[in-house]
Protein backbone atom coordinates (compact mmCIF):
# COMPACT_ATOMS: atom_id res chain seq x y z
CA MET A 1 -50.72 -90.91 30.38
CA SER A 2 -48.74 -88.52 32.42
CA GLY A 3 -45.60 -89.50 30.50
CA ALA A 4 -47.46 -89.12 27.23
CA ASP A 5 -48.78 -85.81 28.35
CA GLU A 6 -45.31 -84.69 29.35
CA THR A 7 -44.01 -85.88 26.01
CA GLY A 8 -46.77 -84.16 24.13
CA ALA A 9 -46.27 -81.07 26.16
CA GLY A 10 -42.58 -81.16 25.35
CA GLU A 11 -43.35 -81.56 21.64
CA THR A 12 -45.93 -78.79 21.54
CA SER A 13 -44.06 -76.31 23.75
CA PRO A 14 -43.49 -72.99 21.96
CA ARG A 15 -40.03 -72.51 20.46
CA LYS A 16 -37.98 -69.33 20.81
CA THR A 17 -38.43 -67.50 17.51
CA ARG A 18 -35.83 -65.19 16.00
CA PRO A 19 -37.03 -61.55 15.71
CA SER A 20 -37.77 -60.21 12.28
CA LEU A 21 -35.73 -57.44 10.63
CA LEU A 22 -38.50 -54.89 11.18
CA GLU A 23 -38.72 -55.73 14.88
CA SER A 24 -34.94 -55.42 15.20
CA LEU A 25 -34.97 -52.00 13.56
CA ARG A 26 -37.75 -50.86 15.88
CA SER A 27 -36.00 -52.17 18.98
CA PRO A 28 -32.32 -51.16 19.25
CA GLU A 29 -31.77 -53.76 21.98
CA ARG A 30 -32.43 -56.55 19.53
CA THR A 31 -30.00 -57.64 16.83
CA VAL A 32 -30.46 -59.95 13.88
CA THR A 33 -28.06 -62.86 14.20
CA THR A 34 -27.53 -66.07 12.30
CA GLU A 35 -25.91 -69.36 13.17
CA ILE A 36 -22.90 -68.40 11.02
CA ALA A 37 -22.55 -65.02 12.74
CA ALA A 38 -22.71 -66.70 16.15
CA SER A 39 -19.89 -69.07 15.19
CA LEU A 40 -17.56 -66.30 13.95
CA PRO A 41 -14.72 -65.13 16.19
CA HIS A 42 -15.37 -61.98 18.16
CA GLY A 43 -12.43 -60.16 16.57
CA LEU A 44 -13.71 -60.84 13.06
CA ARG A 45 -17.18 -59.58 13.94
CA VAL A 46 -15.74 -56.38 15.39
CA SER A 47 -13.51 -55.89 12.33
CA THR A 48 -16.41 -56.32 9.90
CA ALA A 49 -18.54 -53.93 11.96
CA TYR A 50 -15.83 -51.30 11.67
CA ALA A 51 -15.30 -52.14 7.98
CA TRP A 52 -18.87 -51.59 6.77
CA ARG A 53 -19.16 -48.38 8.76
CA PHE A 54 -15.91 -47.18 7.22
CA VAL A 55 -17.25 -48.05 3.76
CA VAL A 56 -20.41 -46.02 4.42
CA ILE A 57 -18.35 -43.03 5.61
CA ALA A 58 -16.01 -43.30 2.60
CA VAL A 59 -18.94 -43.46 0.17
CA ALA A 60 -20.58 -40.46 1.80
CA ALA A 61 -17.30 -38.51 1.71
CA GLY A 62 -16.79 -39.46 -1.94
CA ILE A 63 -20.27 -38.29 -2.88
CA LEU A 64 -19.71 -35.03 -1.00
CA ILE A 65 -16.38 -34.43 -2.77
CA TRP A 66 -18.00 -35.21 -6.13
CA ILE A 67 -20.79 -32.70 -5.46
CA VAL A 68 -18.25 -30.06 -4.42
CA ILE A 69 -16.24 -30.64 -7.62
CA GLN A 70 -19.38 -30.35 -9.74
CA LEU A 71 -20.31 -27.10 -7.98
CA LYS A 72 -16.75 -25.74 -7.84
CA LEU A 73 -17.77 -22.49 -9.51
CA LEU A 74 -19.95 -21.81 -6.45
CA VAL A 75 -17.93 -23.56 -3.75
CA VAL A 76 -14.57 -21.90 -4.51
CA PRO A 77 -15.95 -18.31 -4.34
CA LEU A 78 -17.78 -19.26 -1.12
CA LEU A 79 -14.59 -20.60 0.48
CA VAL A 80 -12.60 -17.58 -0.73
CA ALA A 81 -15.16 -15.23 0.81
CA ILE A 82 -15.16 -17.15 4.11
CA LEU A 83 -11.35 -17.13 4.28
CA VAL A 84 -11.19 -13.41 3.50
CA THR A 85 -13.88 -12.81 6.13
CA ALA A 86 -11.74 -14.68 8.65
CA LEU A 87 -8.75 -12.51 7.68
CA LEU A 88 -10.74 -9.29 8.11
CA TRP A 89 -12.67 -10.43 11.18
CA PRO A 90 -10.26 -9.25 13.93
CA GLY A 91 -10.00 -5.74 12.50
CA PHE A 92 -13.69 -5.61 11.64
CA THR A 93 -14.78 -6.60 15.15
CA TRP A 94 -12.26 -4.12 16.60
CA LEU A 95 -14.01 -1.32 14.69
CA LEU A 96 -17.41 -2.52 15.93
CA ARG A 97 -16.19 -2.63 19.53
CA HIS A 98 -15.08 0.99 19.21
CA ARG A 99 -18.62 2.03 18.23
CA VAL A 100 -17.93 2.46 14.51
CA PRO A 101 -21.19 1.96 12.53
CA ARG A 102 -21.36 -1.43 10.85
CA TRP A 103 -21.72 0.01 7.35
CA LEU A 104 -18.66 2.21 7.87
CA ALA A 105 -16.68 -0.72 9.31
CA ILE A 106 -17.55 -2.76 6.20
CA VAL A 107 -16.42 0.07 3.90
CA ILE A 108 -13.15 0.55 5.79
CA SER A 109 -12.39 -3.19 5.82
CA VAL A 110 -13.19 -3.87 2.15
CA VAL A 111 -11.76 -0.65 0.70
CA GLY A 112 -8.66 -0.97 2.87
CA THR A 113 -8.13 -4.53 1.61
CA PHE A 114 -8.44 -3.44 -2.03
CA ALA A 115 -6.07 -0.53 -1.38
CA VAL A 116 -3.41 -2.83 0.06
CA ILE A 117 -3.74 -5.32 -2.82
CA GLY A 118 -3.69 -2.52 -5.40
CA GLY A 119 -0.61 -0.96 -3.83
CA LEU A 120 1.27 -4.27 -3.85
CA LEU A 121 0.38 -4.88 -7.50
CA TRP A 122 1.48 -1.37 -8.44
CA LEU A 123 4.85 -1.89 -6.75
CA VAL A 124 5.29 -5.22 -8.57
CA VAL A 125 4.50 -3.71 -11.99
CA TRP A 126 6.71 -0.69 -11.28
CA GLN A 127 9.81 -2.71 -10.38
CA ILE A 128 9.34 -5.25 -13.16
CA SER A 129 9.02 -2.50 -15.78
CA ARG A 130 12.10 -0.79 -14.33
CA GLU A 131 14.48 -3.75 -14.05
CA TRP A 132 13.21 -6.23 -16.64
CA ARG A 133 15.66 -5.29 -19.40
CA ASP A 134 18.65 -5.52 -17.06
CA VAL A 135 17.45 -8.88 -15.72
CA GLN A 136 16.95 -10.18 -19.24
CA ALA A 137 20.46 -9.11 -20.29
CA ARG A 138 22.08 -10.63 -17.21
CA THR A 139 20.11 -13.84 -17.74
CA LEU A 140 21.39 -14.17 -21.31
CA GLU A 141 24.92 -13.53 -20.03
CA SER A 142 24.54 -16.23 -17.37
CA VAL A 143 23.25 -18.68 -19.96
CA GLN A 144 26.25 -17.94 -22.16
CA GLN A 145 28.60 -18.50 -19.21
CA LEU A 146 26.89 -21.81 -18.45
CA ARG A 147 27.22 -22.80 -22.08
CA GLN A 148 30.93 -22.03 -22.06
CA TYR A 149 31.38 -23.97 -18.81
CA LEU A 150 29.73 -27.04 -20.33
CA ILE A 151 32.20 -26.86 -23.22
CA ASP A 152 35.38 -26.18 -21.22
CA GLY A 153 34.38 -27.98 -17.99
CA PRO A 154 34.69 -31.62 -17.00
CA LEU A 155 31.73 -32.67 -19.21
CA HIS A 156 33.48 -31.52 -22.44
CA LEU A 157 30.26 -31.19 -24.38
CA THR A 158 30.36 -29.97 -27.96
CA GLU A 159 28.37 -27.04 -29.27
CA ALA A 160 26.31 -29.41 -31.40
CA GLN A 161 25.33 -31.46 -28.36
CA ILE A 162 24.37 -28.32 -26.41
CA ASP A 163 22.35 -27.00 -29.36
CA THR A 164 20.55 -30.36 -29.63
CA MET A 165 19.64 -30.34 -25.92
CA LEU A 166 18.44 -26.73 -26.12
CA SER A 167 16.37 -27.56 -29.19
CA GLN A 168 14.75 -30.51 -27.42
CA ALA A 169 14.03 -28.37 -24.36
CA TRP A 170 12.48 -25.64 -26.51
CA THR A 171 10.33 -28.18 -28.33
CA PHE A 172 9.12 -29.55 -25.00
CA VAL A 173 8.22 -26.03 -23.79
CA GLN A 174 6.33 -25.34 -27.01
CA GLN A 175 4.37 -28.58 -26.66
CA GLN A 176 3.41 -27.75 -23.09
CA ALA A 177 2.40 -24.24 -24.12
CA GLU A 178 0.20 -25.66 -26.89
CA LEU A 179 -1.43 -28.02 -24.39
CA LEU A 180 -2.13 -25.14 -22.02
CA TRP A 181 -3.49 -22.98 -24.82
CA SER A 182 -5.73 -25.75 -26.17
CA GLY A 183 -6.97 -26.40 -22.65
CA ALA A 184 -7.80 -22.73 -22.22
CA LEU A 185 -9.65 -22.72 -25.53
CA ALA A 186 -11.56 -25.88 -24.52
CA ILE A 187 -12.67 -24.22 -21.30
CA GLY A 188 -13.79 -21.25 -23.35
CA SER A 189 -15.03 -18.88 -20.66
CA THR A 190 -12.25 -19.22 -18.11
CA VAL A 191 -11.85 -15.45 -17.80
CA GLY A 192 -15.59 -15.10 -17.45
CA HIS A 193 -15.65 -17.75 -14.73
CA VAL A 194 -12.87 -15.99 -12.81
CA ALA A 195 -14.63 -12.65 -13.08
CA THR A 196 -17.95 -14.16 -12.01
CA GLY A 197 -16.28 -15.93 -9.10
CA ALA A 198 -14.62 -12.68 -7.98
CA VAL A 199 -17.93 -10.80 -8.04
CA LEU A 200 -19.65 -13.65 -6.19
CA SER A 201 -16.89 -13.76 -3.57
CA LEU A 202 -17.21 -10.01 -3.01
CA PHE A 203 -20.99 -10.31 -2.63
CA ILE A 204 -20.67 -13.17 -0.13
CA LEU A 205 -18.02 -11.21 1.77
CA LEU A 206 -20.32 -8.20 2.09
CA CYS A 207 -23.21 -10.41 3.22
CA THR A 208 -21.15 -12.19 5.89
CA LEU A 209 -19.79 -8.92 7.25
CA ALA A 210 -23.23 -7.29 7.22
CA ASP A 211 -25.29 -10.14 8.71
CA GLY A 212 -23.06 -13.10 9.47
CA ALA A 213 -24.75 -13.73 12.81
CA GLY A 214 -28.19 -13.82 11.20
CA ILE A 215 -27.00 -16.23 8.50
CA TRP A 216 -25.53 -18.52 11.14
CA ARG A 217 -28.75 -18.46 13.21
CA TRP A 218 -30.67 -19.49 10.09
CA VAL A 219 -28.24 -22.37 9.50
CA VAL A 220 -28.62 -23.54 13.12
CA ARG A 221 -32.43 -23.53 12.80
CA LEU A 222 -32.15 -26.10 10.01
CA PHE A 223 -31.15 -28.72 12.60
CA PRO A 224 -33.51 -30.41 15.08
CA ARG A 225 -34.24 -28.39 18.21
CA ARG A 226 -32.38 -30.81 20.50
CA ALA A 227 -29.21 -30.56 18.41
CA ARG A 228 -29.14 -26.78 17.94
CA ALA A 229 -27.12 -26.00 21.06
CA ASP A 230 -24.40 -28.51 20.12
CA VAL A 231 -24.33 -27.36 16.50
CA ASP A 232 -24.10 -23.72 17.55
CA GLY A 233 -21.27 -24.41 20.00
CA ALA A 234 -19.35 -26.58 17.53
CA GLY A 235 -19.72 -24.04 14.74
CA ARG A 236 -18.54 -21.18 16.92
CA ALA A 237 -15.53 -23.22 18.10
CA GLY A 238 -14.65 -24.08 14.50
CA TRP A 239 -15.04 -20.48 13.36
CA ALA A 240 -12.78 -19.26 16.21
CA THR A 241 -10.14 -21.73 15.06
CA VAL A 242 -10.42 -20.62 11.41
CA VAL A 243 -10.14 -16.94 12.42
CA THR A 244 -7.08 -17.68 14.53
CA TYR A 245 -5.57 -19.72 11.70
CA ALA A 246 -6.16 -16.88 9.22
CA ARG A 247 -4.61 -14.33 11.58
CA THR A 248 -1.64 -16.63 12.14
CA GLN A 249 -1.09 -17.15 8.42
CA LEU A 250 -1.40 -13.42 7.74
CA LEU A 251 1.34 -12.71 10.29
CA VAL A 252 3.49 -15.56 8.95
CA ALA A 253 3.06 -14.30 5.36
CA THR A 254 3.98 -10.75 6.35
CA ILE A 255 7.11 -11.84 8.24
CA ASP A 256 8.22 -14.11 5.40
CA ALA A 257 7.62 -11.44 2.74
CA ILE A 258 9.44 -8.66 4.61
CA GLY A 259 12.36 -10.86 5.64
CA ILE A 260 12.98 -12.52 2.28
CA GLY A 261 12.24 -9.38 0.24
CA LEU A 262 14.55 -7.26 2.40
CA GLY A 263 17.24 -9.94 2.21
CA ALA A 264 16.99 -10.01 -1.58
CA PHE A 265 17.25 -6.20 -1.70
CA LEU A 266 20.33 -6.07 0.55
CA LEU A 267 22.04 -8.84 -1.44
CA GLY A 268 21.39 -7.02 -4.70
CA VAL A 269 19.02 -9.63 -6.10
CA PRO A 270 16.74 -8.06 -8.72
CA LEU A 271 12.96 -7.86 -8.44
CA ALA A 272 13.02 -7.84 -4.64
CA ILE A 273 9.49 -6.42 -4.38
CA PRO A 274 7.90 -9.04 -6.69
CA ILE A 275 9.77 -11.71 -4.74
CA GLY A 276 8.32 -10.38 -1.47
CA VAL A 277 4.79 -10.27 -2.90
CA LEU A 278 5.09 -13.83 -4.22
CA VAL A 279 6.37 -15.00 -0.83
CA PHE A 280 3.44 -13.22 0.87
CA LEU A 281 0.89 -14.93 -1.36
CA GLY A 282 2.61 -18.31 -1.27
CA ALA A 283 2.78 -18.35 2.53
CA PHE A 284 -1.00 -18.91 2.68
CA VAL A 285 -0.28 -22.47 1.53
CA PRO A 286 1.53 -23.73 4.66
CA PHE A 287 5.09 -25.02 4.25
CA VAL A 288 4.78 -25.70 0.52
CA GLY A 289 4.11 -22.12 -0.58
CA ALA A 290 6.98 -20.56 1.36
CA ILE A 291 9.41 -23.22 0.13
CA VAL A 292 8.42 -22.79 -3.54
CA THR A 293 8.54 -18.98 -3.53
CA GLY A 294 11.77 -18.98 -1.52
CA SER A 295 13.38 -21.35 -4.01
CA LEU A 296 12.38 -18.95 -6.79
CA ALA A 297 14.30 -16.18 -5.03
CA VAL A 298 17.34 -18.45 -4.70
CA PHE A 299 17.15 -19.41 -8.39
CA LEU A 300 16.92 -15.77 -9.46
CA ALA A 301 19.94 -14.94 -7.30
CA LEU A 302 21.87 -17.85 -8.86
CA VAL A 303 21.15 -16.72 -12.42
CA TYR A 304 21.68 -12.99 -11.84
CA ASN A 305 24.28 -12.76 -9.05
CA GLY A 306 26.14 -16.06 -9.07
CA PRO A 307 26.46 -19.05 -6.72
CA TRP A 308 27.79 -17.21 -3.63
CA ILE A 309 24.93 -14.70 -3.51
CA ALA A 310 22.51 -17.56 -4.18
CA LEU A 311 23.97 -19.41 -1.19
CA TRP A 312 23.46 -16.36 1.04
CA MET A 313 19.94 -15.98 -0.33
CA LEU A 314 19.24 -19.58 0.67
CA VAL A 315 20.57 -18.80 4.16
CA VAL A 316 18.22 -15.81 4.35
CA VAL A 317 15.20 -17.88 3.27
CA LEU A 318 15.89 -20.64 5.78
CA GLY A 319 16.75 -18.16 8.53
CA VAL A 320 13.54 -16.16 8.09
CA GLN A 321 11.39 -19.28 8.19
CA GLN A 322 13.12 -20.55 11.33
CA LEU A 323 12.90 -17.12 12.97
CA GLU A 324 9.18 -16.69 12.41
CA GLY A 325 8.43 -20.27 13.36
CA HIS A 326 10.39 -20.52 16.61
CA VAL A 327 10.86 -16.96 17.89
CA LEU A 328 8.46 -14.38 16.47
CA GLN A 329 5.24 -16.39 16.53
CA PRO A 330 5.37 -17.25 20.27
CA LEU A 331 6.33 -13.65 21.15
CA LEU A 332 3.98 -11.64 18.92
CA MET A 333 0.79 -13.71 18.84
CA GLY A 334 -1.87 -13.40 21.45
CA SER A 335 -3.06 -16.85 20.42
CA ALA A 336 -1.79 -19.39 17.91
CA VAL A 337 -3.20 -22.30 16.01
CA LYS A 338 -0.73 -25.09 16.75
CA VAL A 339 -0.65 -27.33 13.71
CA HIS A 340 1.23 -30.61 13.64
CA PRO A 341 3.65 -30.51 10.67
CA LEU A 342 2.79 -34.05 9.56
CA ALA A 343 -0.92 -33.19 9.50
CA VAL A 344 -0.23 -30.07 7.44
CA VAL A 345 1.88 -31.88 4.85
CA LEU A 346 -0.62 -34.70 4.41
CA VAL A 347 -3.63 -32.40 4.26
CA VAL A 348 -2.02 -30.00 1.78
CA ALA A 349 -0.86 -32.89 -0.44
CA GLY A 350 -4.30 -34.51 -0.36
CA GLY A 351 -6.06 -31.24 -1.11
CA ALA A 352 -3.72 -30.55 -4.03
CA MET A 353 -4.34 -34.02 -5.49
CA ILE A 354 -8.12 -33.63 -5.20
CA ALA A 355 -8.63 -30.01 -6.24
CA GLY A 356 -5.28 -28.57 -7.34
CA ILE A 357 -4.31 -25.09 -6.12
CA PRO A 358 -7.70 -24.35 -4.45
CA GLY A 359 -7.47 -27.67 -2.63
CA ALA A 360 -3.99 -26.86 -1.31
CA LEU A 361 -5.15 -23.39 -0.24
CA PHE A 362 -8.29 -24.45 1.63
CA ALA A 363 -7.19 -27.87 2.88
CA VAL A 364 -5.68 -26.76 6.19
CA PRO A 365 -8.48 -24.40 7.35
CA LEU A 366 -11.13 -26.96 6.35
CA ALA A 367 -9.30 -29.73 8.18
CA ALA A 368 -8.87 -27.47 11.22
CA PHE A 369 -12.58 -26.65 11.23
CA ILE A 370 -13.66 -30.28 10.84
CA ASN A 371 -11.23 -31.44 13.52
CA VAL A 372 -12.43 -28.92 16.11
CA VAL A 373 -16.11 -29.50 15.31
CA ALA A 374 -15.76 -33.30 15.53
CA VAL A 375 -13.86 -33.20 18.81
CA TYR A 376 -16.31 -30.67 20.27
CA LEU A 377 -19.34 -32.78 19.38
CA SER A 378 -17.67 -35.95 20.65
CA HIS A 379 -16.82 -34.19 23.91
CA ARG A 380 -20.41 -33.00 24.35
CA HIS A 381 -21.74 -36.46 23.48
CA ARG A 382 -19.63 -37.92 26.31
CA GLY A 383 -21.29 -35.52 28.72
CA GLY A 384 -18.66 -32.81 28.87
CA THR A 385 -19.70 -29.21 29.39
CA ALA A 386 -16.39 -27.38 29.01
CA PRO A 387 -14.60 -27.08 25.63
CA PRO A 388 -12.25 -29.96 24.78
CA ARG A 389 -8.71 -29.73 26.03
CA SER A 390 -5.99 -28.74 23.59
CA PRO A 391 -4.14 -32.13 23.73
CA ASP A 392 -7.24 -33.70 22.13
CA LEU A 393 -6.87 -31.51 19.04
CA ILE A 394 -4.46 -31.56 16.13
CA TRP A 395 -5.42 -27.91 15.56
CA SER A 396 -5.99 -26.13 18.86
CA THR A 397 -6.46 -22.52 19.85
CA VAL A 398 -4.12 -21.87 22.75
CA PRO A 399 -4.77 -18.52 24.50
CA ARG A 400 -1.80 -16.62 25.77
CA SER A 401 -1.52 -16.55 29.54
CA ARG A 402 -2.17 -13.04 30.82
CA ARG A 403 -0.85 -11.58 34.02
CA THR A 404 -3.52 -10.24 36.29
CA PRO A 405 -2.67 -7.28 38.52
CA ALA A 406 -2.32 -8.07 42.19
């Protein structure tokens, strides 16, 4: 009987049941496993765990990018206003620290910005209207010299062949112009969209200068109470990096514009002021903008002044970029956003592929902000209290060491 009882007890003993999905979700210590999952290699299970999390992040990022593209008429003016605010922030806060009323500081900052932009545009229009006929005549003369070189040079082309190539090139330009014109007509209200975006950017700029701290406090209150301190610290760290980036790019753009524009003027290249303005605007797209606008100056020197002046113009462009990158920035900046060149190239290229010119313009500051915020939150999650160290960041704000009096 005892054996039967033992046997019966063994048969009726309760079996270990697998927890249900609901119980596993309620208890984070429990996981739902299967016999197949238990037999899989550990490396494969880790890889699949990373894979489905990566898929979720990619889907979320894709949805966010799609929403931004759909709302581009609102997002682009918002980003423009934020970037302009970052450019004006050092001077604006300097006025506030010197007890200038906020409303007067806003007027000085905004009106001063419009005055600088208006002055640059006036200089551009003035020099173009003054030198355009001479540039046009010299361009036609250079084209005629190139035509004669193609006939008498080693290629020995005939006039009929040159005329055929020019005709094909002109047809291609006309086709592209028709495509651009039809695209503009299909958009319909492109000018209206630009005007609306400019007004919206100005309104957002005034709001951020007038009550940026209040807007940020409202944003922080949208998060749970336990997360507000981390969100506030991460946002402030990201904003400090964006402000430093904007100040850095403004200095870089100014140095590039003065150096290349002055070099073009001394070498006798026409339209030196428009070249400087284009270089100034293009420098806000890191690396790519300065290279494109500098190459335009070299091309203009080649057409108008000949190959030797174009060669010296190329030396000036390369020399100015090397000077501001390796000498002037470390000496003149109180702090600098150190950006890895590979990160800049990849981010700018990706932004241009996703959103064209606005994507290339805003890619680096957005990536800098996201990088600093992510590293800050990760550092706080690991229990750190101090800000993350600069080696942990691709974009890092590095304060200048100051000498303290003995």
